[in-house]
Amino acid sequence: MKLTFLGAAHEVTGSCTLLEACGKHILIDCGMEQGQDIYENCDLPVAPSDIDAICLTHAHIDHSGKLPAMVAAGYSGPIYSTAATHKLCSIMLRDSAHIQEFEAHWRNRKAKRAGTELYEPLYTVEDAMKTVEQFCPYSYGKDVEIFEGVTIRFLDAGHLLGSSSIHLTLEENGKKTTLLFSGDLGNIDRPLIRDPQKPIGADYVVIESTYGDRLHGERPDYITQLTSIIQDTFDRGGNVVIPSFAVGRTQELLYLIRIIKDQGLIKYHDDFSVYVDSPLAVEATNIYSGGMTEYYDKETLALLEKGIDPIKFPGLKLSLTSDDSRAINEDKYPKIIISASGMCEAGRIRHHLKHNLWRYDSTVLFVGYQTDGTIGRKLLDGAVSVKLFGEEIIVNANIQSLDGISGHADKNMLLSWLADLPYPPKKVFVNHGADGVCDHFANQIYENLGYFSDAPYSGDVFDLETGECVEKAKVVRIPSKISAGRKRANAIFERLLLSGRRLLSVIEQNRGGANKDLAKFTSQIDALCDKWERK
């Protein structure tokens, strides 16, 4: 029995681990890397067609995003998950595939004119749809024998609707070995979903460490914070614009706003509208409202028993088409606009920022982490203006953030989850954390709990008989840029790439437009390409 770490090793994204046991090759997660890479990841050591099964902890793209690429490369086996993860992946993988195809189309316009090799998307919408058909969904707490000698069980990880820790029982040559993959463990006392379930015993545990060196601090009163921001903004006659991640965070916000409306906490604006302007967020919201009772907490179930939808309410308006989106800014009454993307780098949120950032009466409210270099981070850091659609927009709006919202367990919560194991594991493997955080948290595990721990790098192979590393991969750090000038040049080029992705988003928004307008738009893009194309 062997365990090979492939992704999210000393990095936060791209989760992927290969288990070899009972004559089978089993992947736990198959995620896409997002953001800056620190280390070169090792390739999958076997062909996709030789993988026998994939077990998926949850739907977030950094855990599921490469599944369609595996299918396109020949994987035809089952993908085991919870039912909610299956439903969310059906929209999230399709959305990811659209992005892949648009980027390929954009790159290939230039490649064709230059006579260079065409760019192939990582996968297509057809690949994503085929992938969804290979899912085998199961409930929490059910033992499922997926092969002779291999049994899996999903436990509630409390991170996202349907998110799970995965417990595996392996019986080979008369010996039993157990493993527990934490997946992404959730924060406590969050809207809609339950707290993470206590773990069950395992010989080996693989645990995430996203917040392995940090504490969330005292839990803030979200209702009071949000009410104050909405009331102050509406009293000024402005809009509350919320850049939000489409799946998870948007639905949590709707839960909070429903409470605010139900309790009449906003005075003199009782019938205010709340727009959700993101097709992906709308689909995800419908899934959350679609009878997913197995995954809800007690408070949410109590609402449902009374016939109350926990995330829908009078005044909620779901925007699907581009015309729907444009009409929002024609509504002159104070309102809440929730739109993607969460860091303002693409999507419809940029249109709403353009219409509201210059207004003294409006508020832009951030409810999630903002990466360095993004427009969201710039606004939080006090930028006096930002460029949107080629136009410099002055920042007069009130810039706020909702403190304390996080979907991940902090350091003490992670340690508490491990402390609830019924007996000490032989070893704990730490992954899914920033470089340095993995090592720090591995040390914390030993110092606080006395459990032997390790923070593997991509390509490290461990023998599950002994728990020792039997194959140490060569660690190749992706070199950082040396000169300040080169750093600035790379940052500028990254902005150019982001602008290119935004252009693809704008192109998609114009699907179905008038032929005359589309022809004009096409000529403008071609003229721009002709101007900047390097021969």
Protein backbone atom coordinates (compact mmCIF):
# COMPACT_ATOMS: atom_id res chain seq x y z
CA MET A 1 0.00 0.00 0.00
CA LYS A 2 1.35 3.39 -1.02
CA LEU A 3 0.26 7.01 -0.84
CA THR A 4 1.65 9.52 -3.35
CA PHE A 5 1.13 13.26 -2.84
CA LEU A 6 0.69 15.06 -6.14
CA GLY A 7 -1.07 18.38 -5.54
CA ALA A 8 -1.68 20.95 -2.77
CA ALA A 9 1.68 19.93 -1.25
CA HIS A 10 3.14 23.03 0.39
CA GLU A 11 0.54 24.90 -1.70
CA VAL A 12 -3.12 25.70 -1.11
CA THR A 13 -4.72 24.58 -4.37
CA GLY A 14 -4.68 21.63 -6.78
CA SER A 15 -5.52 18.89 -4.28
CA CYS A 16 -4.69 15.43 -5.60
CA THR A 17 -3.44 12.28 -3.83
CA LEU A 18 -2.91 8.80 -5.29
CA LEU A 19 -3.64 5.71 -3.20
CA GLU A 20 -2.36 2.32 -4.38
CA ALA A 21 -3.97 -0.54 -2.48
CA CYS A 22 -5.66 -3.89 -3.09
CA GLY A 23 -4.37 -3.86 -6.66
CA LYS A 24 -6.20 -0.59 -7.40
CA HIS A 25 -5.22 2.99 -8.20
CA ILE A 26 -7.53 5.47 -6.45
CA LEU A 27 -7.35 9.26 -6.61
CA ILE A 28 -8.59 11.38 -3.75
CA ASP A 29 -9.53 14.70 -5.36
CA CYS A 30 -8.34 15.95 -8.72
CA GLY A 31 -8.11 19.71 -8.37
CA MET A 32 -6.97 22.58 -10.53
CA GLU A 33 -4.15 24.84 -9.39
CA GLN A 34 -5.23 28.42 -8.90
CA GLY A 35 -3.08 31.45 -8.29
CA GLN A 36 0.69 31.53 -8.06
CA ASP A 37 2.61 28.22 -8.11
CA ILE A 38 5.48 27.83 -5.65
CA TYR A 39 6.70 24.35 -6.59
CA GLU A 40 6.59 22.25 -9.73
CA ASN A 41 4.05 19.49 -9.26
CA CYS A 42 4.88 15.95 -10.30
CA ASP A 43 2.81 14.36 -13.05
CA LEU A 44 0.36 11.59 -12.34
CA PRO A 45 2.60 8.48 -12.33
CA VAL A 46 0.02 6.32 -14.13
CA ALA A 47 -2.15 6.90 -17.19
CA PRO A 48 -5.64 8.30 -16.50
CA SER A 49 -7.10 5.15 -18.05
CA ASP A 50 -5.28 3.11 -15.37
CA ILE A 51 -6.99 4.94 -12.51
CA ASP A 52 -9.71 2.69 -11.11
CA ALA A 53 -11.73 5.22 -9.09
CA ILE A 54 -11.78 8.84 -7.93
CA CYS A 55 -13.12 9.94 -4.54
CA LEU A 56 -14.06 13.62 -4.33
CA THR A 57 -14.24 15.59 -1.08
CA HIS A 58 -16.21 18.56 -2.45
CA ALA A 59 -17.08 20.64 -5.50
CA HIS A 60 -14.64 23.56 -5.27
CA ILE A 61 -12.54 23.78 -8.42
CA ASP A 62 -9.23 23.43 -6.56
CA HIS A 63 -10.45 19.93 -5.64
CA SER A 64 -12.57 18.97 -8.67
CA GLY A 65 -11.37 21.17 -11.53
CA LYS A 66 -9.24 18.63 -13.41
CA LEU A 67 -11.82 15.85 -13.46
CA PRO A 68 -12.95 16.64 -17.03
CA ALA A 69 -9.31 16.68 -18.15
CA MET A 70 -8.93 13.17 -16.71
CA VAL A 71 -12.04 12.04 -18.57
CA ALA A 72 -10.80 13.65 -21.80
CA ALA A 73 -7.51 11.75 -21.33
CA GLY A 74 -9.20 8.37 -20.99
CA TYR A 75 -10.53 8.02 -17.44
CA SER A 76 -13.83 6.15 -17.58
CA GLY A 77 -14.28 4.96 -14.01
CA PRO A 78 -16.59 6.08 -11.21
CA ILE A 79 -16.33 9.38 -9.32
CA TYR A 80 -17.58 8.90 -5.76
CA SER A 81 -19.01 11.93 -3.92
CA THR A 82 -22.01 13.12 -1.95
CA ALA A 83 -25.21 13.96 -3.85
CA ALA A 84 -24.81 17.71 -3.20
CA THR A 85 -21.24 17.64 -4.52
CA HIS A 86 -22.53 15.92 -7.66
CA LYS A 87 -25.17 18.62 -8.17
CA LEU A 88 -22.74 21.49 -7.61
CA CYS A 89 -20.10 19.93 -9.87
CA SER A 90 -22.71 19.69 -12.63
CA ILE A 91 -22.73 23.50 -12.82
CA MET A 92 -19.21 24.37 -11.65
CA LEU A 93 -17.37 22.05 -14.05
CA ARG A 94 -19.51 23.24 -16.93
CA ASP A 95 -18.72 26.84 -16.01
CA SER A 96 -15.00 26.02 -15.80
CA ALA A 97 -15.18 24.37 -19.22
CA HIS A 98 -16.76 27.49 -20.72
CA ILE A 99 -13.81 29.50 -19.40
CA GLN A 100 -11.34 26.98 -20.90
CA GLU A 101 -13.03 27.15 -24.31
CA PHE A 102 -13.26 30.95 -24.38
CA GLU A 103 -9.58 31.28 -23.47
CA ALA A 104 -8.64 28.82 -26.22
CA HIS A 105 -10.73 30.75 -28.76
CA TRP A 106 -9.05 33.99 -27.71
CA ARG A 107 -5.53 32.57 -27.97
CA ASN A 108 -6.19 30.84 -31.29
CA ARG A 109 -7.30 34.00 -33.10
CA LYS A 110 -3.73 35.22 -32.84
CA ALA A 111 -2.19 31.78 -33.43
CA LYS A 112 -4.05 31.33 -36.73
CA ARG A 113 -2.87 34.68 -38.08
CA ALA A 114 0.70 33.98 -36.96
CA GLY A 115 0.71 30.43 -38.31
CA THR A 116 1.73 29.08 -34.92
CA GLU A 117 0.51 26.00 -33.10
CA LEU A 118 -3.08 26.20 -31.89
CA TYR A 119 -3.86 26.17 -28.17
CA GLU A 120 -6.00 23.30 -26.93
CA PRO A 121 -8.31 23.95 -23.97
CA LEU A 122 -7.68 21.83 -20.92
CA TYR A 123 -11.16 20.41 -21.51
CA THR A 124 -14.46 21.25 -23.17
CA VAL A 125 -18.07 21.56 -22.08
CA GLU A 126 -18.69 18.15 -23.64
CA ASP A 127 -15.93 16.69 -21.44
CA ALA A 128 -17.49 18.32 -18.36
CA MET A 129 -20.94 16.95 -19.17
CA LYS A 130 -19.53 13.47 -19.71
CA THR A 131 -17.68 13.73 -16.38
CA VAL A 132 -20.87 14.52 -14.47
CA GLU A 133 -22.42 11.30 -15.82
CA GLN A 134 -19.64 9.28 -14.16
CA PHE A 135 -20.52 10.44 -10.62
CA CYS A 136 -21.74 7.89 -8.09
CA PRO A 137 -23.34 9.90 -5.25
CA TYR A 138 -23.80 8.57 -1.70
CA SER A 139 -25.03 9.85 1.64
CA TYR A 140 -22.96 10.68 4.70
CA GLY A 141 -22.22 7.82 7.08
CA LYS A 142 -22.83 4.97 4.62
CA ASP A 143 -20.13 2.33 4.15
CA VAL A 144 -19.66 1.73 0.43
CA GLU A 145 -17.48 -1.13 -0.82
CA ILE A 146 -16.11 0.25 -4.08
CA PHE A 147 -13.75 -2.70 -4.70
CA GLU A 148 -13.03 -5.94 -2.93
CA GLY A 149 -11.08 -4.87 0.15
CA VAL A 150 -11.77 -1.14 -0.30
CA THR A 151 -14.61 0.57 1.61
CA ILE A 152 -15.26 4.31 1.78
CA ARG A 153 -17.42 6.45 4.03
CA PHE A 154 -18.26 10.18 3.67
CA LEU A 155 -18.31 12.36 6.80
CA ASP A 156 -19.67 15.92 6.93
CA ALA A 157 -16.74 18.37 6.67
CA GLY A 158 -18.90 21.49 7.19
CA HIS A 159 -17.10 23.53 4.52
CA LEU A 160 -19.59 23.68 1.63
CA LEU A 161 -22.93 22.09 0.84
CA GLY A 162 -22.07 18.39 0.51
CA SER A 163 -18.42 18.75 1.49
CA SER A 164 -16.93 15.66 3.06
CA SER A 165 -14.05 14.05 4.81
CA ILE A 166 -13.41 10.59 3.36
CA HIS A 167 -12.61 7.54 5.49
CA LEU A 168 -11.17 4.50 3.71
CA THR A 169 -10.84 0.98 5.06
CA LEU A 170 -8.35 -1.20 3.17
CA GLU A 171 -8.02 -4.97 3.65
CA GLU A 172 -5.08 -6.53 1.87
CA ASN A 173 -3.28 -9.84 2.59
CA GLY A 174 -5.26 -10.27 5.80
CA LYS A 175 -4.25 -6.86 7.18
CA LYS A 176 -6.55 -3.86 7.70
CA THR A 177 -5.35 -0.28 7.21
CA THR A 178 -7.50 2.83 7.60
CA LEU A 179 -7.04 6.33 6.17
CA LEU A 180 -8.92 9.57 6.75
CA PHE A 181 -8.76 12.53 4.37
CA SER A 182 -10.10 15.66 6.04
CA GLY A 183 -10.92 17.51 2.83
CA ASP A 184 -11.45 21.21 3.58
CA LEU A 185 -12.78 21.49 7.13
CA GLY A 186 -15.33 24.23 7.72
CA ASN A 187 -15.62 27.05 10.19
CA ILE A 188 -18.17 26.61 12.98
CA ASP A 189 -21.62 28.21 13.43
CA ARG A 190 -22.04 29.14 9.78
CA PRO A 191 -25.41 29.65 8.08
CA LEU A 192 -27.22 26.72 6.43
CA ILE A 193 -24.74 23.89 6.89
CA ARG A 194 -23.65 21.89 9.92
CA ASP A 195 -20.36 22.14 11.77
CA PRO A 196 -17.69 19.60 10.78
CA GLN A 197 -18.48 16.09 11.99
CA LYS A 198 -16.16 14.52 14.53
CA PRO A 199 -13.63 12.22 12.86
CA ILE A 200 -13.53 8.46 13.19
CA GLY A 201 -10.34 6.58 13.94
CA ALA A 202 -7.71 5.97 11.27
CA ASP A 203 -4.15 4.72 11.04
CA TYR A 204 -3.22 7.65 8.79
CA VAL A 205 -4.81 11.08 8.51
CA VAL A 206 -4.33 13.64 5.74
CA ILE A 207 -5.41 17.08 6.94
CA GLU A 208 -5.63 20.47 5.28
CA SER A 209 -3.85 23.51 6.75
CA THR A 210 -5.27 26.55 4.95
CA TYR A 211 -5.49 28.43 8.27
CA GLY A 212 -2.91 26.27 10.04
CA ASP A 213 -1.06 29.30 11.40
CA ARG A 214 -3.99 31.64 12.11
CA LEU A 215 -7.00 32.13 14.36
CA HIS A 216 -10.26 33.74 13.28
CA GLY A 217 -10.62 35.60 16.57
CA GLU A 218 -13.87 36.30 18.36
CA ARG A 219 -16.89 35.51 16.21
CA PRO A 220 -18.47 38.78 15.07
CA ASP A 221 -22.19 39.52 14.92
CA TYR A 222 -22.75 39.29 11.15
CA ILE A 223 -26.38 40.43 11.34
CA THR A 224 -25.51 43.62 13.23
CA GLN A 225 -22.58 44.42 10.93
CA LEU A 226 -24.57 43.83 7.76
CA THR A 227 -27.64 45.69 9.02
CA SER A 228 -25.59 48.77 9.89
CA ILE A 229 -23.91 48.87 6.46
CA ILE A 230 -27.19 48.43 4.58
CA GLN A 231 -29.06 51.00 6.67
CA ASP A 232 -26.35 53.68 6.36
CA THR A 233 -26.07 53.15 2.60
CA PHE A 234 -29.78 53.16 1.91
CA ASP A 235 -30.25 56.29 4.05
CA ARG A 236 -27.75 58.03 1.75
CA GLY A 237 -29.73 56.82 -1.28
CA GLY A 238 -27.02 54.47 -2.52
CA ASN A 239 -26.57 50.80 -3.41
CA VAL A 240 -24.73 48.07 -1.52
CA VAL A 241 -22.58 46.24 -4.09
CA ILE A 242 -21.20 42.90 -2.86
CA PRO A 243 -18.55 41.04 -4.89
CA SER A 244 -19.14 37.45 -3.83
CA PHE A 245 -18.08 33.93 -4.71
CA ALA A 246 -20.97 32.32 -6.55
CA VAL A 247 -21.16 29.04 -4.63
CA GLY A 248 -21.36 29.01 -0.84
CA ARG A 249 -20.73 32.63 0.13
CA THR A 250 -23.62 34.04 -1.93
CA GLN A 251 -26.09 31.62 -0.33
CA GLU A 252 -24.79 32.45 3.17
CA LEU A 253 -25.39 36.14 2.47
CA LEU A 254 -28.93 35.44 1.30
CA TYR A 255 -29.55 33.56 4.56
CA LEU A 256 -28.40 36.59 6.58
CA ILE A 257 -30.38 39.07 4.49
CA ARG A 258 -33.53 36.95 4.87
CA ILE A 259 -33.17 37.28 8.65
CA ILE A 260 -32.67 41.04 8.36
CA LYS A 261 -35.80 41.36 6.22
CA ASP A 262 -37.85 38.99 8.37
CA GLN A 263 -37.01 40.92 11.56
CA GLY A 264 -37.58 44.31 9.92
CA LEU A 265 -34.12 45.52 10.91
CA ILE A 266 -33.82 47.98 7.99
CA LYS A 267 -36.00 51.00 8.72
CA TYR A 268 -37.83 53.07 6.07
CA HIS A 269 -36.70 50.75 3.23
CA ASP A 270 -38.80 47.68 4.03
CA ASP A 271 -39.29 46.51 0.46
CA PHE A 272 -35.70 46.85 -0.76
CA SER A 273 -34.57 44.62 -3.63
CA VAL A 274 -31.71 42.15 -3.55
CA TYR A 275 -30.28 41.18 -6.93
CA VAL A 276 -28.17 38.06 -7.46
CA ASP A 277 -26.42 38.80 -10.75
CA SER A 278 -24.41 35.74 -11.72
CA PRO A 279 -25.77 32.79 -13.72
CA LEU A 280 -23.57 30.39 -11.76
CA ALA A 281 -24.71 31.87 -8.42
CA VAL A 282 -28.35 31.64 -9.52
CA GLU A 283 -27.97 27.95 -10.42
CA ALA A 284 -26.16 27.27 -7.16
CA THR A 285 -28.87 29.09 -5.20
CA ASN A 286 -31.51 26.91 -6.83
CA ILE A 287 -29.52 23.81 -5.83
CA TYR A 288 -29.28 25.05 -2.23
CA SER A 289 -33.06 25.53 -2.24
CA GLY A 290 -33.71 22.20 -3.94
CA GLY A 291 -34.47 19.97 -0.97
CA MET A 292 -30.90 19.33 0.20
CA THR A 293 -32.18 18.59 3.71
CA GLU A 294 -29.48 16.00 4.45
CA TYR A 295 -26.87 18.76 4.53
CA TYR A 296 -28.64 21.51 6.51
CA ASP A 297 -28.12 22.42 10.15
CA LYS A 298 -30.90 22.29 12.78
CA GLU A 299 -31.85 25.95 12.38
CA THR A 300 -32.31 25.58 8.64
CA LEU A 301 -34.35 22.39 9.03
CA ALA A 302 -36.60 24.14 11.55
CA LEU A 303 -37.29 26.88 8.99
CA LEU A 304 -38.15 24.32 6.33
CA GLU A 305 -40.59 22.60 8.70
CA LYS A 306 -42.40 25.95 8.99
CA GLY A 307 -42.52 26.27 5.21
CA ILE A 308 -39.84 28.99 5.11
CA ASP A 309 -37.20 28.92 2.38
CA PRO A 310 -33.95 29.81 4.22
CA ILE A 311 -32.38 31.77 1.33
CA LYS A 312 -35.34 33.18 -0.61
CA PHE A 313 -37.54 36.08 0.39
CA PRO A 314 -39.70 38.93 -1.01
CA GLY A 315 -37.59 41.32 -3.05
CA LEU A 316 -35.03 38.70 -4.15
CA LYS A 317 -34.42 38.94 -7.89
CA LEU A 318 -32.29 36.41 -9.76
CA SER A 319 -30.57 37.80 -12.86
CA LEU A 320 -29.69 35.36 -15.65
CA THR A 321 -29.39 37.20 -18.95
CA SER A 322 -27.21 40.13 -19.95
CA ASP A 323 -30.37 42.23 -20.36
CA ASP A 324 -31.38 41.34 -16.78
CA SER A 325 -27.94 42.47 -15.60
CA ARG A 326 -28.03 45.78 -17.44
CA ALA A 327 -31.52 46.52 -16.12
CA ILE A 328 -30.27 46.41 -12.53
CA ASN A 329 -28.42 49.71 -12.91
CA GLU A 330 -31.55 51.31 -14.37
CA ASP A 331 -33.32 50.70 -11.04
CA LYS A 332 -32.89 54.02 -9.24
CA TYR A 333 -33.98 52.80 -5.80
CA PRO A 334 -31.44 51.74 -3.13
CA LYS A 335 -30.75 48.02 -3.43
CA ILE A 336 -28.27 45.23 -2.76
CA ILE A 337 -26.38 43.79 -5.73
CA ILE A 338 -24.56 40.48 -5.18
CA SER A 339 -22.42 39.54 -8.16
CA ALA A 340 -19.36 37.52 -9.18
CA SER A 341 -16.43 37.34 -9.30
CA GLY A 342 -15.54 37.65 -5.64
CA MET A 343 -12.25 39.45 -6.29
CA CYS A 344 -13.62 41.70 -9.07
CA GLU A 345 -11.28 40.33 -11.73
CA ALA A 346 -13.97 39.23 -14.19
CA GLY A 347 -17.69 38.85 -14.60
CA ARG A 348 -20.66 41.12 -14.12
CA ILE A 349 -19.44 42.66 -10.86
CA ARG A 350 -17.18 44.95 -12.86
CA HIS A 351 -20.19 46.60 -14.51
CA HIS A 352 -21.75 47.27 -11.13
CA LEU A 353 -18.49 48.71 -9.81
CA LYS A 354 -18.35 51.01 -12.83
CA HIS A 355 -21.84 52.29 -12.02
CA ASN A 356 -21.28 52.66 -8.27
CA LEU A 357 -17.64 53.29 -7.35
CA TRP A 358 -17.85 56.99 -8.29
CA ARG A 359 -20.96 57.53 -6.16
CA TYR A 360 -20.50 58.94 -2.65
CA ASP A 361 -23.77 57.34 -1.54
CA SER A 362 -22.93 53.71 -2.49
CA THR A 363 -21.00 51.04 -0.60
CA VAL A 364 -18.83 48.22 -1.93
CA LEU A 365 -18.84 45.43 0.66
CA PHE A 366 -16.25 42.64 0.52
CA VAL A 367 -17.15 39.31 2.13
CA GLY A 368 -14.15 37.17 1.20
CA TYR A 369 -10.37 37.16 0.98
CA GLN A 370 -8.85 39.41 -1.70
CA THR A 371 -5.58 38.27 -3.27
CA ASP A 372 -2.74 40.75 -3.80
CA GLY A 373 -2.89 42.45 -7.18
CA THR A 374 -6.64 42.06 -7.67
CA ILE A 375 -9.01 44.99 -7.97
CA GLY A 376 -10.67 43.84 -4.76
CA ARG A 377 -7.39 44.07 -2.86
CA LYS A 378 -6.63 47.48 -4.38
CA LEU A 379 -9.98 48.82 -3.26
CA LEU A 380 -9.53 47.48 0.27
CA ASP A 381 -6.04 48.99 0.36
CA GLY A 382 -7.44 52.45 -0.39
CA ALA A 383 -7.03 52.93 -4.14
CA VAL A 384 -8.28 56.37 -5.22
CA SER A 385 -9.21 55.05 -8.66
CA VAL A 386 -9.30 51.81 -10.63
CA LYS A 387 -9.48 51.09 -14.34
CA LEU A 388 -12.57 49.31 -15.63
CA PHE A 389 -13.27 48.69 -19.31
CA GLY A 390 -10.46 51.07 -20.26
CA GLU A 391 -11.92 53.88 -18.18
CA GLU A 392 -10.40 55.27 -14.98
CA ILE A 393 -13.12 55.23 -12.31
CA ILE A 394 -12.65 57.41 -9.24
CA VAL A 395 -13.38 55.71 -5.90
CA ASN A 396 -15.86 57.78 -3.92
CA ALA A 397 -17.94 54.87 -2.62
CA ASN A 398 -17.64 53.63 0.94
CA ILE A 399 -15.37 50.52 0.91
CA GLN A 400 -16.20 48.03 3.66
CA SER A 401 -15.52 44.41 4.57
CA LEU A 402 -17.59 42.01 6.63
CA ASP A 403 -15.21 40.83 9.33
CA GLY A 404 -14.70 37.24 10.27
CA ILE A 405 -16.45 35.37 7.44
CA SER A 406 -14.39 32.35 6.44
CA GLY A 407 -15.32 28.92 5.12
CA HIS A 408 -12.24 27.26 6.64
CA ALA A 409 -11.47 26.03 10.14
CA ASP A 410 -8.68 27.96 11.86
CA LYS A 411 -5.62 26.48 13.56
CA ASN A 412 -7.34 25.66 16.86
CA MET A 413 -10.37 24.16 15.11
CA LEU A 414 -8.10 21.92 13.04
CA LEU A 415 -6.23 20.80 16.16
CA SER A 416 -9.53 20.20 17.97
CA TRP A 417 -10.77 18.03 15.10
CA LEU A 418 -7.59 15.93 15.30
CA ALA A 419 -7.87 15.76 19.09
CA ASP A 420 -11.33 14.17 18.67
CA LEU A 421 -9.81 11.12 16.98
CA PRO A 422 -10.65 8.11 19.18
CA TYR A 423 -7.03 6.94 19.16
CA PRO A 424 -3.69 8.41 18.00
CA PRO A 425 -2.95 7.82 14.31
CA LYS A 426 0.38 6.37 13.24
CA LYS A 427 1.03 9.58 11.30
CA VAL A 428 -0.69 12.76 10.20
CA PHE A 429 0.13 14.16 6.76
CA VAL A 430 -0.38 17.91 6.34
CA ASN A 431 -1.26 19.41 2.96
CA HIS A 432 -3.40 22.17 1.40
CA GLY A 433 -1.50 25.01 3.04
CA ALA A 434 0.86 27.76 1.99
CA ASP A 435 4.57 27.05 1.88
CA GLY A 436 5.76 27.32 5.47
CA VAL A 437 2.25 26.90 6.91
CA CYS A 438 2.28 23.15 6.22
CA ASP A 439 5.53 22.71 8.18
CA HIS A 440 4.34 25.04 10.94
CA PHE A 441 1.08 23.17 11.41
CA ALA A 442 2.81 19.77 11.29
CA ASN A 443 4.99 20.98 14.19
CA GLN A 444 1.90 22.24 16.03
CA ILE A 445 0.29 18.82 15.73
CA TYR A 446 3.27 17.14 17.36
CA GLU A 447 3.71 19.79 20.05
CA ASN A 448 0.02 19.94 21.01
CA LEU A 449 -1.15 16.38 20.43
CA GLY A 450 1.97 14.25 20.28
CA TYR A 451 1.01 12.80 16.89
CA PHE A 452 3.84 12.09 14.47
CA SER A 453 3.36 14.31 11.47
CA ASP A 454 4.84 15.12 8.08
CA ALA A 455 4.32 17.80 5.43
CA PRO A 456 5.01 16.06 2.09
CA TYR A 457 6.09 17.71 -1.14
CA SER A 458 4.65 16.87 -4.54
CA GLY A 459 5.94 13.47 -5.64
CA ASP A 460 6.69 12.12 -2.16
CA VAL A 461 5.62 8.46 -1.79
CA PHE A 462 4.83 6.88 1.59
CA ASP A 463 4.60 3.20 2.46
CA LEU A 464 1.42 2.59 4.46
CA GLU A 465 2.94 -0.44 6.14
CA THR A 466 5.60 1.63 7.91
CA GLY A 467 4.42 5.20 7.41
CA GLU A 468 7.86 6.12 6.08
CA CYS A 469 8.71 8.00 2.91
CA VAL A 470 10.06 5.47 0.42
CA GLU A 471 10.47 7.84 -2.50
CA LYS A 472 11.53 11.41 -1.91
CA ALA A 473 10.77 13.65 -4.88
CA LYS A 474 13.19 16.28 -6.05
CA VAL A 475 11.76 19.57 -4.85
CA VAL A 476 11.84 22.09 -7.68
CA ARG A 477 10.93 25.59 -6.59
CA ILE A 478 9.63 27.82 -9.35
CA PRO A 479 12.18 30.66 -9.36
CA SER A 480 10.98 34.01 -8.16
CA LYS A 481 11.78 37.04 -10.25
CA ILE A 482 15.00 38.69 -9.18
CA SER A 483 14.86 42.31 -10.25
CA ALA A 484 12.23 44.80 -9.16
CA GLY A 485 11.87 45.85 -12.78
CA ARG A 486 11.12 42.29 -13.84
CA LYS A 487 8.58 41.96 -11.03
CA ARG A 488 6.81 45.09 -12.24
CA ALA A 489 6.89 43.82 -15.83
CA ASN A 490 5.39 40.49 -14.81
CA ALA A 491 2.70 42.20 -12.76
CA ILE A 492 1.78 44.37 -15.72
CA PHE A 493 1.66 41.33 -17.99
CA GLU A 494 -0.57 39.52 -15.49
CA ARG A 495 -2.91 42.49 -15.64
CA LEU A 496 -2.89 42.16 -19.42
CA LEU A 497 -3.84 38.46 -19.14
CA LEU A 498 -6.64 39.31 -16.72
CA SER A 499 -7.86 41.95 -19.14
CA GLY A 500 -7.88 39.33 -21.88
CA ARG A 501 -10.02 37.05 -19.72
CA ARG A 502 -12.34 39.95 -19.02
CA LEU A 503 -12.67 40.52 -22.76
CA LEU A 504 -13.79 36.91 -23.14
CA SER A 505 -16.40 37.52 -20.46
CA VAL A 506 -17.64 40.62 -22.28
CA ILE A 507 -17.82 38.67 -25.56
CA GLU A 508 -20.00 36.04 -23.88
CA GLN A 509 -22.28 38.74 -22.45
CA ASN A 510 -22.97 39.90 -26.01
CA ARG A 511 -24.08 36.46 -27.21
CA GLY A 512 -27.36 36.89 -29.07
CA GLY A 513 -26.79 40.59 -29.70
CA ALA A 514 -27.68 42.43 -32.88
CA ASN A 515 -25.58 41.39 -35.89
CA LYS A 516 -24.61 45.01 -36.56
CA ASP A 517 -23.29 45.46 -33.01
CA LEU A 518 -21.45 42.12 -33.05
CA ALA A 519 -19.81 42.95 -36.39
CA LYS A 520 -18.66 46.32 -35.04
CA PHE A 521 -17.33 44.70 -31.85
CA THR A 522 -15.45 42.08 -33.91
CA SER A 523 -13.84 44.78 -36.08
CA GLN A 524 -12.71 46.66 -32.97
CA ILE A 525 -11.09 43.54 -31.50
CA ASP A 526 -9.39 42.68 -34.81
CA ALA A 527 -8.05 46.24 -35.08
CA LEU A 528 -6.69 46.03 -31.55
CA CYS A 529 -5.00 42.69 -32.31
CA ASP A 530 -3.53 44.04 -35.53
CA LYS A 531 -2.06 46.99 -33.64
CA TRP A 532 -0.35 44.95 -30.92
CA GLU A 533 0.47 41.68 -32.68
CA ARG A 534 4.19 40.96 -32.68
CA LYS A 535 5.37 39.62 -36.03
